[in-house]
Amino acid sequence: MDQQSLEDLLALIELRNITLAAQRRNVSQSAYSRRLKAIEDRYEINLVDRTGRPAVPTQTLKAMQEEIEFALISLKRVSNSFSRSVDMDPVISIAAVHSLSAGPLPLALSKIEDHLSQLRIHIQSANQDICFQLLMTEEVSLMLAYETDDKKLQAPKGLVKKTFVTMDRLIPVSTPTLAKTIKEIIPGEELIPLIAYPSDIFLGEVLYRDILVHSKHIYSKKLVAGMASVGLASAKAGLGVAWLPASVIKNEIQNGQLVVIEEQGFLGVDLEISMLQLRTKDMQQLKPLLDALVEAISTTVNEESLPLVN
């Protein structure tokens, strides 16, 4: 069985919901369903319970989780070995959550070109859970992610070294026009249009658990998107209020496309940026590069910080 099929099955096992699994695999539900059906037909086995909505994994498939995980790890290690054998230049692979890979990370890398002269960089952008999976299956050497005081990444200390990089902040923004409208709304009396994250990703958990549950306002979801870049574009289009990392919206604030509305009764949350590194034999060799990367990311995020404005 190929890697894509194994990852399709594992997504369904872990999420127990064919709709959410399709989202994780970045394909439409119909395309994902066809891929699962092809596996069932090939092996003449029933792996998906389609009696309800949404479809869920059968007990047979659930029981195979450990074998599928082991097979995936083995395949990825073989693939990595082949890649290392044909690469002439050393490669460092980084998994980063979407908002970091699209914002501070490229800028930080541009600050440490001297350290990268003999290296090639591979960046994989994904949600937090997928990034952690890539790290633990040794597909990447590093992971950059967010944490909060209440939600820490539970990484095995014997296998992973975790380094605090710097602070960011998840802040509420909207267009100036929408901000003026909202200012006139009495909390609880009118619906506020909301650009939300899916509840099963990290920023979604923070939004629902630490922000919306404490808000005096009531909201109407206008759009749900798993990537901060989509939320940013939607907020600029005036679709609603969005909560975005401060490090990725400085330009939009400076040019007046968006305004921060935290002081209008919309809560913000501090985010910690952390770097996770596998404890491998190459760990000491990479230390100068990683120290420089941590400093560059911290400098970049602090340069991109912005004052709270109304």
C-alpha atoms as a PDB file:
ATOM      1  CA  MET A   1       0.000   0.000   0.000  1.00  0.00           C
ATOM      2  CA  ASP A   2       1.347   3.451  -0.893  1.00  0.00           C
ATOM      3  CA  GLN A   3       1.998   6.300   1.553  1.00  0.00           C
ATOM      4  CA  GLN A   4      -0.996   8.381   0.407  1.00  0.00           C
ATOM      5  CA  SER A   5      -3.402   5.507   1.090  1.00  0.00           C
ATOM      6  CA  LEU A   6      -1.921   4.893   4.533  1.00  0.00           C
ATOM      7  CA  GLU A   7      -2.190   8.587   5.415  1.00  0.00           C
ATOM      8  CA  ASP A   8      -5.795   8.682   4.149  1.00  0.00           C
ATOM      9  CA  LEU A   9      -6.710   5.774   6.411  1.00  0.00           C
ATOM     10  CA  LEU A  10      -4.865   7.181   9.422  1.00  0.00           C
ATOM     11  CA  ALA A  11      -6.657  10.536   9.056  1.00  0.00           C
ATOM     12  CA  LEU A  12     -10.034   8.783   9.206  1.00  0.00           C
ATOM     13  CA  ILE A  13      -8.989   6.694  12.220  1.00  0.00           C
ATOM     14  CA  GLU A  14      -7.708   9.699  14.170  1.00  0.00           C
ATOM     15  CA  LEU A  15     -10.530  12.132  13.347  1.00  0.00           C
ATOM     16  CA  ARG A  16     -13.357   9.536  13.152  1.00  0.00           C
ATOM     17  CA  ASN A  17     -15.193  11.779  10.753  1.00  0.00           C
ATOM     18  CA  ILE A  18     -14.871  11.593   6.969  1.00  0.00           C
ATOM     19  CA  THR A  19     -15.540  15.317   6.525  1.00  0.00           C
ATOM     20  CA  LEU A  20     -12.771  16.370   8.925  1.00  0.00           C
ATOM     21  CA  ALA A  21     -10.427  13.722   7.518  1.00  0.00           C
ATOM     22  CA  ALA A  22     -10.899  15.085   3.992  1.00  0.00           C
ATOM     23  CA  GLN A  23     -10.052  18.577   5.267  1.00  0.00           C
ATOM     24  CA  ARG A  24      -6.855  17.283   6.862  1.00  0.00           C
ATOM     25  CA  ARG A  25      -5.896  15.569   3.588  1.00  0.00           C
ATOM     26  CA  ASN A  26      -6.588  18.828   1.685  1.00  0.00           C
ATOM     27  CA  VAL A  27      -9.015  17.247  -0.798  1.00  0.00           C
ATOM     28  CA  SER A  28     -12.745  17.483  -1.355  1.00  0.00           C
ATOM     29  CA  GLN A  29     -14.902  15.014   0.547  1.00  0.00           C
ATOM     30  CA  SER A  30     -16.012  13.374  -2.688  1.00  0.00           C
ATOM     31  CA  ALA A  31     -12.419  12.860  -3.881  1.00  0.00           C
ATOM     32  CA  TYR A  32     -11.405  11.544  -0.460  1.00  0.00           C
ATOM     33  CA  SER A  33     -14.378   9.146  -0.423  1.00  0.00           C
ATOM     34  CA  ARG A  34     -13.382   7.832  -3.843  1.00  0.00           C
ATOM     35  CA  ARG A  35      -9.849   7.183  -2.628  1.00  0.00           C
ATOM     36  CA  LEU A  36     -11.138   5.246   0.382  1.00  0.00           C
ATOM     37  CA  LYS A  37     -13.530   3.248  -1.812  1.00  0.00           C
ATOM     38  CA  ALA A  38     -10.654   2.356  -4.143  1.00  0.00           C
ATOM     39  CA  ILE A  39      -8.704   0.945  -1.175  1.00  0.00           C
ATOM     40  CA  GLU A  40     -11.731  -1.072  -0.055  1.00  0.00           C
ATOM     41  CA  ASP A  41     -12.267  -2.453  -3.557  1.00  0.00           C
ATOM     42  CA  ARG A  42      -8.592  -3.290  -4.003  1.00  0.00           C
ATOM     43  CA  TYR A  43      -8.417  -5.307  -0.789  1.00  0.00           C
ATOM     44  CA  GLU A  44     -12.068  -6.421  -0.684  1.00  0.00           C
ATOM     45  CA  ILE A  45     -12.546  -5.136   2.851  1.00  0.00           C
ATOM     46  CA  ASN A  46     -15.027  -2.745   4.483  1.00  0.00           C
ATOM     47  CA  LEU A  47     -13.102   0.090   6.145  1.00  0.00           C
ATOM     48  CA  VAL A  48     -15.726   2.873   6.195  1.00  0.00           C
ATOM     49  CA  ASP A  49     -19.071   2.756   8.001  1.00  0.00           C
ATOM     50  CA  ARG A  50     -21.399   4.710   5.727  1.00  0.00           C
ATOM     51  CA  THR A  51     -24.627   3.985   7.601  1.00  0.00           C
ATOM     52  CA  GLY A  52     -24.651   7.399   9.259  1.00  0.00           C
ATOM     53  CA  ARG A  53     -23.661  10.963   8.461  1.00  0.00           C
ATOM     54  CA  PRO A  54     -20.817  11.677   8.376  1.00  0.00           C
ATOM     55  CA  ALA A  55     -19.215   8.308   7.585  1.00  0.00           C
ATOM     56  CA  VAL A  56     -16.830   6.936  10.213  1.00  0.00           C
ATOM     57  CA  PRO A  57     -14.124   4.245  10.363  1.00  0.00           C
ATOM     58  CA  THR A  58     -15.212   0.662  10.974  1.00  0.00           C
ATOM     59  CA  GLN A  59     -13.958  -1.273  13.986  1.00  0.00           C
ATOM     60  CA  THR A  60     -11.790  -3.259  11.591  1.00  0.00           C
ATOM     61  CA  LEU A  61     -10.001  -0.098  10.474  1.00  0.00           C
ATOM     62  CA  LYS A  62      -9.667   1.245  14.023  1.00  0.00           C
ATOM     63  CA  ALA A  63      -7.977  -1.995  15.070  1.00  0.00           C
ATOM     64  CA  MET A  64      -5.346  -1.494  12.356  1.00  0.00           C
ATOM     65  CA  GLN A  65      -4.169   1.910  13.612  1.00  0.00           C
ATOM     66  CA  GLU A  66      -0.899   0.715  15.164  1.00  0.00           C
ATOM     67  CA  GLU A  67       0.052  -1.289  12.072  1.00  0.00           C
ATOM     68  CA  ILE A  68      -0.703   1.663   9.779  1.00  0.00           C
ATOM     69  CA  GLU A  69       1.350   4.052  11.936  1.00  0.00           C
ATOM     70  CA  PHE A  70       4.283   1.619  11.971  1.00  0.00           C
ATOM     71  CA  ALA A  71       4.084   1.162   8.196  1.00  0.00           C
ATOM     72  CA  LEU A  72       4.040   4.944   7.650  1.00  0.00           C
ATOM     73  CA  ILE A  73       7.068   5.514   9.862  1.00  0.00           C
ATOM     74  CA  SER A  74       8.981   2.764   8.048  1.00  0.00           C
ATOM     75  CA  LEU A  75       8.093   4.159   4.613  1.00  0.00           C
ATOM     76  CA  LYS A  76       9.082   7.683   5.577  1.00  0.00           C
ATOM     77  CA  ARG A  77      12.404   6.578   7.014  1.00  0.00           C
ATOM     78  CA  VAL A  78      13.222   4.677   3.819  1.00  0.00           C
ATOM     79  CA  SER A  79      12.207   7.703   1.748  1.00  0.00           C
ATOM     80  CA  ASN A  80      14.373  10.003   3.860  1.00  0.00           C
ATOM     81  CA  SER A  81      17.331   7.650   3.485  1.00  0.00           C
ATOM     82  CA  PHE A  82      16.981   7.702  -0.305  1.00  0.00           C
ATOM     83  CA  SER A  83      16.724  11.508  -0.281  1.00  0.00           C
ATOM     84  CA  ARG A  84      19.865  11.881   1.833  1.00  0.00           C
ATOM     85  CA  SER A  85      21.796   9.500  -0.432  1.00  0.00           C
ATOM     86  CA  VAL A  86      21.192  11.585  -3.580  1.00  0.00           C
ATOM     87  CA  ASP A  87      21.410  15.081  -2.090  1.00  0.00           C
ATOM     88  CA  MET A  88      24.781  16.723  -2.696  1.00  0.00           C
ATOM     89  CA  ASP A  89      24.124  19.586  -0.267  1.00  0.00           C
ATOM     90  CA  PRO A  90      22.977  19.152   3.348  1.00  0.00           C
ATOM     91  CA  VAL A  91      19.250  19.707   3.823  1.00  0.00           C
ATOM     92  CA  ILE A  92      17.388  21.031   6.831  1.00  0.00           C
ATOM     93  CA  SER A  93      13.647  20.392   6.824  1.00  0.00           C
ATOM     94  CA  ILE A  94      11.303  22.621   8.819  1.00  0.00           C
ATOM     95  CA  ALA A  95       7.610  22.130   9.538  1.00  0.00           C
ATOM     96  CA  ALA A  96       5.827  25.339  10.502  1.00  0.00           C
ATOM     97  CA  VAL A  97       2.239  26.283  11.167  1.00  0.00           C
ATOM     98  CA  HIS A  98       0.712  28.246   8.290  1.00  0.00           C
ATOM     99  CA  SER A  99       0.899  31.713   9.834  1.00  0.00           C
ATOM    100  CA  LEU A 100       4.590  31.318  10.733  1.00  0.00           C
ATOM    101  CA  SER A 101       5.616  29.818   7.386  1.00  0.00           C
ATOM    102  CA  ALA A 102       3.827  32.608   5.513  1.00  0.00           C
ATOM    103  CA  GLY A 103       5.041  35.401   7.795  1.00  0.00           C
ATOM    104  CA  PRO A 104       8.078  35.547  10.103  1.00  0.00           C
ATOM    105  CA  LEU A 105       9.945  32.423   8.939  1.00  0.00           C
ATOM    106  CA  PRO A 106      10.945  33.530   5.397  1.00  0.00           C
ATOM    107  CA  LEU A 107      11.963  36.959   6.730  1.00  0.00           C
ATOM    108  CA  ALA A 108      14.017  35.322   9.487  1.00  0.00           C
ATOM    109  CA  LEU A 109      15.785  33.042   7.013  1.00  0.00           C
ATOM    110  CA  SER A 110      16.750  36.071   4.936  1.00  0.00           C
ATOM    111  CA  LYS A 111      18.589  37.454   7.997  1.00  0.00           C
ATOM    112  CA  ILE A 112      20.871  34.411   8.377  1.00  0.00           C
ATOM    113  CA  GLU A 113      22.049  33.857   4.817  1.00  0.00           C
ATOM    114  CA  ASP A 114      25.637  33.263   5.977  1.00  0.00           C
ATOM    115  CA  HIS A 115      24.487  30.206   7.944  1.00  0.00           C
ATOM    116  CA  LEU A 116      22.530  28.886   4.968  1.00  0.00           C
ATOM    117  CA  SER A 117      25.210  29.152   2.292  1.00  0.00           C
ATOM    118  CA  GLN A 118      25.940  25.403   2.346  1.00  0.00           C
ATOM    119  CA  LEU A 119      22.403  24.289   3.087  1.00  0.00           C
ATOM    120  CA  ARG A 120      19.136  23.755   1.297  1.00  0.00           C
ATOM    121  CA  ILE A 121      15.960  24.521   3.233  1.00  0.00           C
ATOM    122  CA  HIS A 122      12.767  22.513   2.907  1.00  0.00           C
ATOM    123  CA  ILE A 123       9.693  24.110   4.515  1.00  0.00           C
ATOM    124  CA  GLN A 124       6.439  22.234   5.007  1.00  0.00           C
ATOM    125  CA  SER A 125       3.440  24.312   6.011  1.00  0.00           C
ATOM    126  CA  ALA A 126       0.620  22.560   7.863  1.00  0.00           C
ATOM    127  CA  ASN A 127      -1.595  22.766  10.922  1.00  0.00           C
ATOM    128  CA  GLN A 128      -0.060  22.126  14.328  1.00  0.00           C
ATOM    129  CA  ASP A 129      -0.996  18.442  14.617  1.00  0.00           C
ATOM    130  CA  ILE A 130       0.386  17.597  11.181  1.00  0.00           C
ATOM    131  CA  CYS A 131       3.612  19.499  11.905  1.00  0.00           C
ATOM    132  CA  PHE A 132       4.084  17.482  15.086  1.00  0.00           C
ATOM    133  CA  GLN A 133       3.398  14.255  13.200  1.00  0.00           C
ATOM    134  CA  LEU A 134       6.031  15.206  10.594  1.00  0.00           C
ATOM    135  CA  LEU A 135       8.542  15.840  13.375  1.00  0.00           C
ATOM    136  CA  MET A 136       7.871  12.583  15.201  1.00  0.00           C
ATOM    137  CA  THR A 137       8.088  10.524  11.994  1.00  0.00           C
ATOM    138  CA  GLU A 138      11.449  12.190  11.212  1.00  0.00           C
ATOM    139  CA  GLU A 139      10.235  13.811   7.997  1.00  0.00           C
ATOM    140  CA  VAL A 140      11.475  17.140   9.344  1.00  0.00           C
ATOM    141  CA  SER A 141      14.259  18.100  11.732  1.00  0.00           C
ATOM    142  CA  LEU A 142      12.528  21.139  13.215  1.00  0.00           C
ATOM    143  CA  MET A 143       9.040  22.300  14.026  1.00  0.00           C
ATOM    144  CA  LEU A 144       7.873  25.871  14.635  1.00  0.00           C
ATOM    145  CA  ALA A 145       4.544  26.232  16.375  1.00  0.00           C
ATOM    146  CA  TYR A 146       2.438  28.266  18.757  1.00  0.00           C
ATOM    147  CA  GLU A 147       1.653  27.530  22.400  1.00  0.00           C
ATOM    148  CA  THR A 148      -0.314  29.313  25.113  1.00  0.00           C
ATOM    149  CA  ASP A 149      -0.041  29.167  28.894  1.00  0.00           C
ATOM    150  CA  ASP A 150      -2.961  26.719  28.940  1.00  0.00           C
ATOM    151  CA  LYS A 151      -2.123  24.687  25.848  1.00  0.00           C
ATOM    152  CA  LYS A 152       1.408  23.311  25.604  1.00  0.00           C
ATOM    153  CA  LEU A 153       2.803  20.858  23.091  1.00  0.00           C
ATOM    154  CA  GLN A 154       3.275  17.557  24.899  1.00  0.00           C
ATOM    155  CA  ALA A 155       6.543  16.376  23.380  1.00  0.00           C
ATOM    156  CA  PRO A 156       8.588  13.511  24.890  1.00  0.00           C
ATOM    157  CA  LYS A 157      11.635  15.211  26.458  1.00  0.00           C
ATOM    158  CA  GLY A 158      13.889  12.283  25.699  1.00  0.00           C
ATOM    159  CA  LEU A 159      13.224  12.593  21.972  1.00  0.00           C
ATOM    160  CA  VAL A 160      12.540  16.288  21.487  1.00  0.00           C
ATOM    161  CA  LYS A 161      14.215  19.486  22.645  1.00  0.00           C
ATOM    162  CA  LYS A 162      11.848  22.448  22.931  1.00  0.00           C
ATOM    163  CA  THR A 163      13.125  26.018  22.773  1.00  0.00           C
ATOM    164  CA  PHE A 164      11.140  29.170  23.534  1.00  0.00           C
ATOM    165  CA  VAL A 165      11.625  31.623  20.657  1.00  0.00           C
ATOM    166  CA  THR A 166       9.550  34.733  21.383  1.00  0.00           C
ATOM    167  CA  MET A 167       6.029  36.020  22.022  1.00  0.00           C
ATOM    168  CA  ASP A 168       3.354  36.826  19.457  1.00  0.00           C
ATOM    169  CA  ARG A 169      -0.296  37.755  20.030  1.00  0.00           C
ATOM    170  CA  LEU A 170      -3.586  36.673  18.511  1.00  0.00           C
ATOM    171  CA  ILE A 171      -5.513  39.904  18.064  1.00  0.00           C
ATOM    172  CA  PRO A 172      -8.959  40.913  16.727  1.00  0.00           C
ATOM    173  CA  VAL A 173      -9.015  43.022  13.565  1.00  0.00           C
ATOM    174  CA  SER A 174     -11.533  44.338  11.064  1.00  0.00           C
ATOM    175  CA  THR A 175     -11.818  46.935   8.331  1.00  0.00           C
ATOM    176  CA  PRO A 176     -12.169  50.529   9.581  1.00  0.00           C
ATOM    177  CA  THR A 177     -15.744  50.607   8.239  1.00  0.00           C
ATOM    178  CA  LEU A 178     -16.769  47.481  10.146  1.00  0.00           C
ATOM    179  CA  ALA A 179     -14.993  48.743  13.274  1.00  0.00           C
ATOM    180  CA  LYS A 180     -17.125  51.906  13.232  1.00  0.00           C
ATOM    181  CA  THR A 181     -20.292  49.824  12.846  1.00  0.00           C
ATOM    182  CA  ILE A 182     -19.301  47.506  15.682  1.00  0.00           C
ATOM    183  CA  LYS A 183     -18.569  50.457  17.971  1.00  0.00           C
ATOM    184  CA  GLU A 184     -22.254  51.377  17.858  1.00  0.00           C
ATOM    185  CA  ILE A 185     -23.454  47.847  18.703  1.00  0.00           C
ATOM    186  CA  ILE A 186     -24.576  47.147  22.255  1.00  0.00           C
ATOM    187  CA  PRO A 187     -22.983  43.806  23.245  1.00  0.00           C
ATOM    188  CA  GLY A 188     -25.439  40.940  22.968  1.00  0.00           C
ATOM    189  CA  GLU A 189     -28.038  42.798  20.919  1.00  0.00           C
ATOM    190  CA  GLU A 190     -26.724  42.304  17.362  1.00  0.00           C
ATOM    191  CA  LEU A 191     -24.695  39.590  15.661  1.00  0.00           C
ATOM    192  CA  ILE A 192     -21.044  40.342  14.887  1.00  0.00           C
ATOM    193  CA  PRO A 193     -19.857  38.766  11.594  1.00  0.00           C
ATOM    194  CA  LEU A 194     -17.030  36.350  12.406  1.00  0.00           C
ATOM    195  CA  ILE A 195     -14.188  34.876  10.383  1.00  0.00           C
ATOM    196  CA  ALA A 196     -13.386  31.733  12.366  1.00  0.00           C
ATOM    197  CA  TYR A 197     -10.933  28.858  12.404  1.00  0.00           C
ATOM    198  CA  PRO A 198     -12.018  25.202  12.470  1.00  0.00           C
ATOM    199  CA  SER A 199     -12.442  24.137  16.085  1.00  0.00           C
ATOM    200  CA  ASP A 200     -10.079  21.162  15.689  1.00  0.00           C
ATOM    201  CA  ILE A 201      -6.920  23.177  14.919  1.00  0.00           C
ATOM    202  CA  PHE A 202      -4.779  25.052  17.445  1.00  0.00           C
ATOM    203  CA  LEU A 203      -5.863  28.624  16.659  1.00  0.00           C
ATOM    204  CA  GLY A 204      -9.458  27.429  16.540  1.00  0.00           C
ATOM    205  CA  GLU A 205      -9.163  25.959  20.028  1.00  0.00           C
ATOM    206  CA  VAL A 206      -7.679  29.222  21.306  1.00  0.00           C
ATOM    207  CA  LEU A 207     -10.406  31.264  19.599  1.00  0.00           C
ATOM    208  CA  TYR A 208     -13.293  29.243  21.057  1.00  0.00           C
ATOM    209  CA  ARG A 209     -11.812  28.339  24.448  1.00  0.00           C
ATOM    210  CA  ASP A 210      -9.971  31.521  25.412  1.00  0.00           C
ATOM    211  CA  ILE A 211     -11.739  34.275  23.490  1.00  0.00           C
ATOM    212  CA  LEU A 212     -15.302  33.756  22.297  1.00  0.00           C
ATOM    213  CA  VAL A 213     -16.477  31.992  25.439  1.00  0.00           C
ATOM    214  CA  HIS A 214     -15.572  35.141  27.437  1.00  0.00           C
ATOM    215  CA  SER A 215     -16.928  37.650  24.928  1.00  0.00           C
ATOM    216  CA  LYS A 216     -19.943  39.834  25.672  1.00  0.00           C
ATOM    217  CA  HIS A 217     -20.762  39.875  21.971  1.00  0.00           C
ATOM    218  CA  ILE A 218     -22.661  37.271  19.969  1.00  0.00           C
ATOM    219  CA  TYR A 219     -21.353  36.151  16.604  1.00  0.00           C
ATOM    220  CA  SER A 220     -22.486  34.878  13.231  1.00  0.00           C
ATOM    221  CA  LYS A 221     -19.896  32.800  11.344  1.00  0.00           C
ATOM    222  CA  LYS A 222     -19.463  34.213   7.859  1.00  0.00           C
ATOM    223  CA  LEU A 223     -16.460  32.092   6.943  1.00  0.00           C
ATOM    224  CA  VAL A 224     -14.377  29.292   8.485  1.00  0.00           C
ATOM    225  CA  ALA A 225     -10.809  28.826   7.251  1.00  0.00           C
ATOM    226  CA  GLY A 226      -7.879  26.808   8.563  1.00  0.00           C
ATOM    227  CA  MET A 227      -5.200  29.185   7.304  1.00  0.00           C
ATOM    228  CA  ALA A 228      -4.487  32.625   8.759  1.00  0.00           C
ATOM    229  CA  SER A 229      -3.706  33.897   5.229  1.00  0.00           C
ATOM    230  CA  VAL A 230      -7.309  33.145   4.206  1.00  0.00           C
ATOM    231  CA  GLY A 231      -8.595  34.836   7.351  1.00  0.00           C
ATOM    232  CA  LEU A 232      -6.439  37.862   6.568  1.00  0.00           C
ATOM    233  CA  ALA A 233      -7.741  38.150   3.005  1.00  0.00           C
ATOM    234  CA  SER A 234     -11.320  37.727   4.230  1.00  0.00           C
ATOM    235  CA  ALA A 235     -10.908  40.381   6.921  1.00  0.00           C
ATOM    236  CA  LYS A 236      -9.482  42.822   4.341  1.00  0.00           C
ATOM    237  CA  ALA A 237     -12.516  42.098   2.163  1.00  0.00           C
ATOM    238  CA  GLY A 238     -14.763  43.207   5.038  1.00  0.00           C
ATOM    239  CA  LEU A 239     -16.403  39.832   5.649  1.00  0.00           C
ATOM    240  CA  GLY A 240     -16.097  40.053   9.406  1.00  0.00           C
ATOM    241  CA  VAL A 241     -13.922  40.243  12.501  1.00  0.00           C
ATOM    242  CA  ALA A 242     -10.865  37.959  12.412  1.00  0.00           C
ATOM    243  CA  TRP A 243      -8.333  36.982  15.053  1.00  0.00           C
ATOM    244  CA  LEU A 244      -4.856  36.967  13.499  1.00  0.00           C
ATOM    245  CA  PRO A 245      -1.265  36.775  14.780  1.00  0.00           C
ATOM    246  CA  ALA A 246       0.161  40.280  15.169  1.00  0.00           C
ATOM    247  CA  SER A 247       3.334  39.247  13.315  1.00  0.00           C
ATOM    248  CA  VAL A 248       1.488  38.789  10.009  1.00  0.00           C
ATOM    249  CA  ILE A 249      -0.702  41.915   9.862  1.00  0.00           C
ATOM    250  CA  LYS A 250       1.646  44.845  10.434  1.00  0.00           C
ATOM    251  CA  ASN A 251       1.485  46.038   6.813  1.00  0.00           C
ATOM    252  CA  GLU A 252      -2.320  45.926   6.752  1.00  0.00           C
ATOM    253  CA  ILE A 253      -2.486  47.941   9.978  1.00  0.00           C
ATOM    254  CA  GLN A 254       0.053  50.492   8.784  1.00  0.00           C
ATOM    255  CA  ASN A 255      -1.675  51.078   5.448  1.00  0.00           C
ATOM    256  CA  GLY A 256      -5.096  51.365   7.084  1.00  0.00           C
ATOM    257  CA  GLN A 257      -6.717  48.300   5.511  1.00  0.00           C
ATOM    258  CA  LEU A 258      -7.320  46.811   8.974  1.00  0.00           C
ATOM    259  CA  VAL A 259      -7.594  48.173  12.498  1.00  0.00           C
ATOM    260  CA  VAL A 260      -7.075  46.430  15.820  1.00  0.00           C
ATOM    261  CA  ILE A 261     -10.272  46.385  17.886  1.00  0.00           C
ATOM    262  CA  GLU A 262      -8.943  44.803  21.065  1.00  0.00           C
ATOM    263  CA  GLU A 263      -9.763  47.883  23.110  1.00  0.00           C
ATOM    264  CA  GLN A 264     -13.381  47.749  21.918  1.00  0.00           C
ATOM    265  CA  GLY A 265     -14.096  44.722  24.127  1.00  0.00           C
ATOM    266  CA  PHE A 266     -12.681  42.018  21.847  1.00  0.00           C
ATOM    267  CA  LEU A 267     -10.103  39.925  23.694  1.00  0.00           C
ATOM    268  CA  GLY A 268      -6.624  39.072  22.473  1.00  0.00           C
ATOM    269  CA  VAL A 269      -4.431  36.166  23.606  1.00  0.00           C
ATOM    270  CA  ASP A 270      -0.662  35.948  24.014  1.00  0.00           C
ATOM    271  CA  LEU A 271       1.003  33.251  21.908  1.00  0.00           C
ATOM    272  CA  GLU A 272       4.385  31.683  22.544  1.00  0.00           C
ATOM    273  CA  ILE A 273       6.421  30.686  19.492  1.00  0.00           C
ATOM    274  CA  SER A 274       8.317  27.477  20.205  1.00  0.00           C
ATOM    275  CA  MET A 275      10.871  25.503  18.214  1.00  0.00           C
ATOM    276  CA  LEU A 276      10.960  21.722  18.596  1.00  0.00           C
ATOM    277  CA  GLN A 277      14.000  19.749  17.486  1.00  0.00           C
ATOM    278  CA  LEU A 278      14.567  16.023  17.343  1.00  0.00           C
ATOM    279  CA  ARG A 279      17.429  14.867  19.546  1.00  0.00           C
ATOM    280  CA  THR A 280      19.595  13.281  16.848  1.00  0.00           C
ATOM    281  CA  LYS A 281      23.313  12.765  16.333  1.00  0.00           C
ATOM    282  CA  ASP A 282      23.338  15.922  14.180  1.00  0.00           C
ATOM    283  CA  MET A 283      21.940  18.062  16.995  1.00  0.00           C
ATOM    284  CA  GLN A 284      25.249  19.662  18.059  1.00  0.00           C
ATOM    285  CA  GLN A 285      26.323  20.211  14.475  1.00  0.00           C
ATOM    286  CA  LEU A 286      23.157  22.217  13.806  1.00  0.00           C
ATOM    287  CA  LYS A 287      23.358  24.269  17.021  1.00  0.00           C
ATOM    288  CA  PRO A 288      24.962  27.433  15.516  1.00  0.00           C
ATOM    289  CA  LEU A 289      22.344  27.507  12.754  1.00  0.00           C
ATOM    290  CA  LEU A 290      19.452  26.914  15.138  1.00  0.00           C
ATOM    291  CA  ASP A 291      20.666  29.544  17.607  1.00  0.00           C
ATOM    292  CA  ALA A 292      20.865  32.030  14.736  1.00  0.00           C
ATOM    293  CA  LEU A 293      17.395  31.022  13.510  1.00  0.00           C
ATOM    294  CA  VAL A 294      15.843  31.484  16.952  1.00  0.00           C
ATOM    295  CA  GLU A 295      17.388  34.953  17.246  1.00  0.00           C
ATOM    296  CA  ALA A 296      16.316  35.880  13.710  1.00  0.00           C
ATOM    297  CA  ILE A 297      12.710  34.787  14.262  1.00  0.00           C
ATOM    298  CA  SER A 298      12.568  36.658  17.565  1.00  0.00           C
ATOM    299  CA  THR A 299      13.955  39.811  15.938  1.00  0.00           C
ATOM    300  CA  THR A 300      11.583  39.499  12.990  1.00  0.00           C
ATOM    301  CA  VAL A 301       8.477  39.017  15.138  1.00  0.00           C
ATOM    302  CA  ASN A 302       9.437  41.941  17.389  1.00  0.00           C
ATOM    303  CA  GLU A 303      10.037  44.145  14.350  1.00  0.00           C
ATOM    304  CA  GLU A 304       6.629  43.176  13.027  1.00  0.00           C
ATOM    305  CA  SER A 305       4.864  43.888  16.341  1.00  0.00           C
ATOM    306  CA  LEU A 306       2.352  46.692  16.348  1.00  0.00           C
ATOM    307  CA  PRO A 307       0.653  48.979  18.834  1.00  0.00           C
ATOM    308  CA  LEU A 308      -2.953  48.443  19.767  1.00  0.00           C
ATOM    309  CA  VAL A 309      -5.124  50.915  17.880  1.00  0.00           C
ATOM    310  CA  ASN A 310      -8.829  51.615  17.546  1.00  0.00           C
END
